[in-house]
Amino acid sequence: MLAALPCAARAGGRPAEPGATQKPHVHGANGVVLLPEHRLIEWQLEELDGPEFRLSSYRGMVAFVHVFATWCGPCRSEQPAVVTFASAHPEDTVVIGVDVGEEDNTVRAYRKQFGIAYPIAMDRYDKKVRSIYRQGRMTFPTTIVFRPDGMLSCAWAGEASREWFEYERRVALGTED
């Protein structure tokens, strides 16, 4: 369900951050995930220390589904930006973390270490998330963005900056091309 590149092809792209290699910006599945672009997506998983996670319960908001692993270096490096972004737009945007195959206590410790306040869904037995990746090749971190209407906006595999999250939020809201 997650992809490994940026979102929607655009002339000129957007400027790279200093010292970063510019990646093409492509909206949609982006070769990362097998999710359809023009159909509502429903996804259900258990939530760490909470009720069942249902993607449809966030319709009306931009939803960033952030697939991570506690042992992943780029995930750990990116996490402060994700946490800051998650609290920046509570009126129209939600972040949902998704952990694959790790013990609950390991994920709880990670959540505490980084001050994660958003929900974390758990694919404890690696049965659901892998099926959304092309050829089952998971990439951490992966972020999948859904528009308020529940349709896929984009999928990105790899570390992203706070600026990327803000840009993709605006694209999903339709306030930027």
Protein backbone atom coordinates (compact mmCIF):
# COMPACT_ATOMS: atom_id res chain seq x y z
CA MET A 1 0.00 0.00 0.00
CA LEU A 2 2.99 2.23 0.02
CA ALA A 3 5.30 3.46 -2.69
CA ALA A 4 8.89 4.40 -3.27
CA LEU A 5 9.12 7.75 -4.99
CA PRO A 6 7.60 11.22 -4.87
CA CYS A 7 4.22 12.25 -6.29
CA ALA A 8 2.77 13.76 -9.71
CA ALA A 9 4.86 14.66 -12.71
CA ARG A 10 5.31 18.38 -13.06
CA ALA A 11 7.30 20.56 -15.37
CA GLY A 12 10.35 21.76 -13.58
CA GLY A 13 9.57 19.89 -10.35
CA ARG A 14 10.29 21.61 -7.06
CA PRO A 15 13.66 22.80 -5.83
CA ALA A 16 15.81 20.32 -4.00
CA GLU A 17 16.83 21.02 -0.45
CA PRO A 18 20.46 22.03 0.05
CA GLY A 19 22.68 18.97 -0.25
CA ALA A 20 19.77 16.76 -1.34
CA THR A 21 19.38 14.97 -4.63
CA GLN A 22 16.26 16.23 -6.39
CA LYS A 23 13.65 13.53 -6.86
CA PRO A 24 10.91 13.75 -9.46
CA HIS A 25 7.54 14.73 -8.05
CA VAL A 26 4.84 12.32 -9.19
CA HIS A 27 1.29 12.08 -7.88
CA GLY A 28 -0.44 8.73 -7.65
CA ALA A 29 0.94 5.32 -6.80
CA ASN A 30 4.30 6.44 -8.14
CA GLY A 31 5.52 2.90 -8.77
CA VAL A 32 5.67 2.38 -5.03
CA VAL A 33 2.31 0.90 -4.18
CA LEU A 34 -0.43 -1.08 -5.85
CA LEU A 35 -3.26 1.16 -4.67
CA PRO A 36 -5.76 2.37 -7.27
CA GLU A 37 -5.81 6.12 -7.84
CA HIS A 38 -9.49 6.63 -8.61
CA ARG A 39 -11.24 4.40 -6.09
CA LEU A 40 -11.92 4.79 -2.39
CA ILE A 41 -9.45 2.88 -0.27
CA GLU A 42 -10.43 1.14 2.95
CA TRP A 43 -7.81 -0.19 5.28
CA GLN A 44 -8.31 -1.75 8.71
CA LEU A 45 -5.65 -2.66 11.26
CA GLU A 46 -5.43 -2.91 15.02
CA GLU A 47 -4.22 0.26 16.65
CA LEU A 48 -1.51 0.25 19.31
CA ASP A 49 -3.30 0.83 22.63
CA GLY A 50 -6.48 1.92 20.90
CA PRO A 51 -9.50 0.93 18.85
CA GLU A 52 -9.31 -0.58 15.37
CA PHE A 53 -7.82 1.77 12.79
CA ARG A 54 -10.10 2.39 9.79
CA LEU A 55 -8.86 4.69 7.07
CA SER A 56 -12.45 5.64 6.18
CA SER A 57 -12.94 7.20 9.62
CA TYR A 58 -10.63 10.02 8.45
CA ARG A 59 -12.62 10.96 5.33
CA GLY A 60 -12.94 14.72 5.07
CA MET A 61 -9.31 15.17 6.11
CA VAL A 62 -5.99 14.73 4.35
CA ALA A 63 -4.58 11.45 5.72
CA PHE A 64 -0.84 10.72 5.76
CA VAL A 65 -0.26 7.01 6.35
CA HIS A 66 3.35 6.76 7.48
CA VAL A 67 4.81 3.23 7.37
CA PHE A 68 7.92 2.95 9.53
CA ALA A 69 10.08 0.56 11.51
CA THR A 70 11.69 1.37 14.85
CA TRP A 71 15.04 -0.07 13.69
CA CYS A 72 15.10 1.99 10.45
CA GLY A 73 17.72 4.77 10.45
CA PRO A 74 15.93 7.01 7.90
CA CYS A 75 12.67 6.53 9.87
CA ARG A 76 14.36 7.72 13.04
CA SER A 77 15.95 10.66 11.23
CA GLU A 78 12.62 11.70 9.69
CA GLN A 79 10.51 11.17 12.82
CA PRO A 80 10.90 14.67 14.37
CA ALA A 81 9.58 16.25 11.15
CA VAL A 82 6.64 13.84 11.08
CA VAL A 83 5.76 14.59 14.72
CA THR A 84 5.94 18.36 14.16
CA PHE A 85 3.87 18.15 10.97
CA ALA A 86 1.28 15.90 12.63
CA SER A 87 0.40 18.59 15.15
CA ALA A 88 0.46 21.53 12.72
CA HIS A 89 -2.92 21.18 10.97
CA PRO A 90 -5.43 19.39 13.22
CA GLU A 91 -8.35 21.06 11.43
CA ASP A 92 -7.81 19.25 8.11
CA THR A 93 -4.90 16.78 8.32
CA VAL A 94 -4.14 13.58 10.21
CA VAL A 95 -1.04 11.40 10.39
CA ILE A 96 -1.39 7.69 11.12
CA GLY A 97 1.75 5.68 11.77
CA VAL A 98 1.86 2.04 10.65
CA ASP A 99 4.37 -0.39 12.13
CA VAL A 100 4.95 -3.80 10.54
CA GLY A 101 5.85 -6.91 12.48
CA GLU A 102 7.32 -5.45 15.64
CA GLU A 103 6.46 -6.07 19.28
CA ASP A 104 4.03 -3.65 20.91
CA ASN A 105 6.47 -2.70 23.68
CA THR A 106 9.17 -1.87 21.13
CA VAL A 107 6.75 0.46 19.32
CA ARG A 108 5.58 1.98 22.62
CA ALA A 109 9.19 2.82 23.52
CA TYR A 110 9.71 4.40 20.07
CA ARG A 111 6.48 6.38 20.45
CA LYS A 112 7.65 7.66 23.85
CA GLN A 113 11.18 8.47 22.63
CA PHE A 114 9.88 10.65 19.78
CA GLY A 115 6.79 12.06 21.53
CA ILE A 116 4.40 10.62 18.96
CA ALA A 117 0.84 11.72 19.75
CA TYR A 118 -0.83 10.44 16.57
CA PRO A 119 -2.30 6.91 16.31
CA ILE A 120 -0.10 3.98 15.33
CA ALA A 121 -1.73 1.07 13.52
CA MET A 122 -0.08 -2.32 13.90
CA ASP A 123 0.39 -4.96 11.21
CA ARG A 124 1.74 -7.34 13.83
CA TYR A 125 2.02 -10.40 11.60
CA ASP A 126 3.06 -8.66 8.35
CA LYS A 127 -0.15 -9.78 6.64
CA LYS A 128 -1.61 -6.56 5.18
CA VAL A 129 0.92 -3.82 4.51
CA ARG A 130 3.33 -5.87 2.37
CA SER A 131 0.51 -6.61 -0.09
CA ILE A 132 0.26 -2.94 -1.10
CA TYR A 133 3.87 -2.73 -2.26
CA ARG A 134 4.87 -3.63 -5.78
CA GLN A 135 6.28 -7.16 -5.74
CA GLY A 136 5.97 -7.14 -1.93
CA ARG A 137 9.16 -5.04 -1.63
CA MET A 138 8.67 -2.89 1.43
CA THR A 139 10.59 0.34 1.81
CA PHE A 140 10.91 2.20 5.11
CA PRO A 141 9.83 4.84 5.58
CA THR A 142 6.95 5.06 3.13
CA THR A 143 4.28 7.73 3.24
CA ILE A 144 0.95 7.39 1.46
CA VAL A 145 -1.20 10.49 1.20
CA PHE A 146 -4.99 10.37 0.78
CA ARG A 147 -7.12 13.32 -0.24
CA PRO A 148 -10.14 14.29 1.88
CA ASP A 149 -12.39 12.37 -0.55
CA GLY A 150 -10.52 9.14 0.33
CA MET A 151 -8.68 8.84 -2.98
CA LEU A 152 -4.93 8.31 -3.27
CA SER A 153 -2.99 11.55 -3.71
CA CYS A 154 0.54 10.14 -3.74
CA ALA A 155 2.95 7.59 -2.33
CA TRP A 156 6.57 8.25 -1.44
CA ALA A 157 9.24 5.77 -0.40
CA GLY A 158 12.15 7.13 1.53
CA GLU A 159 12.85 9.90 3.99
CA ALA A 160 10.90 13.14 3.51
CA SER A 161 11.27 16.63 4.96
CA ARG A 162 8.75 18.78 6.77
CA GLU A 163 8.58 20.88 3.59
CA TRP A 164 7.61 17.78 1.59
CA PHE A 165 4.78 17.00 4.04
CA GLU A 166 3.51 20.59 3.82
CA TYR A 167 3.67 20.59 0.02
CA GLU A 168 1.83 17.25 -0.28
CA ARG A 169 -0.83 18.49 2.15
CA ARG A 170 -1.50 21.48 -0.09
CA VAL A 171 -1.62 19.26 -3.19
CA ALA A 172 -4.07 16.87 -1.50
CA LEU A 173 -6.24 19.80 -0.44
CA GLY A 174 -6.21 21.12 -4.02
CA THR A 175 -4.57 24.41 -3.09
CA GLU A 176 -1.39 23.66 -5.08
CA ASP A 177 -0.75 21.78 -8.34
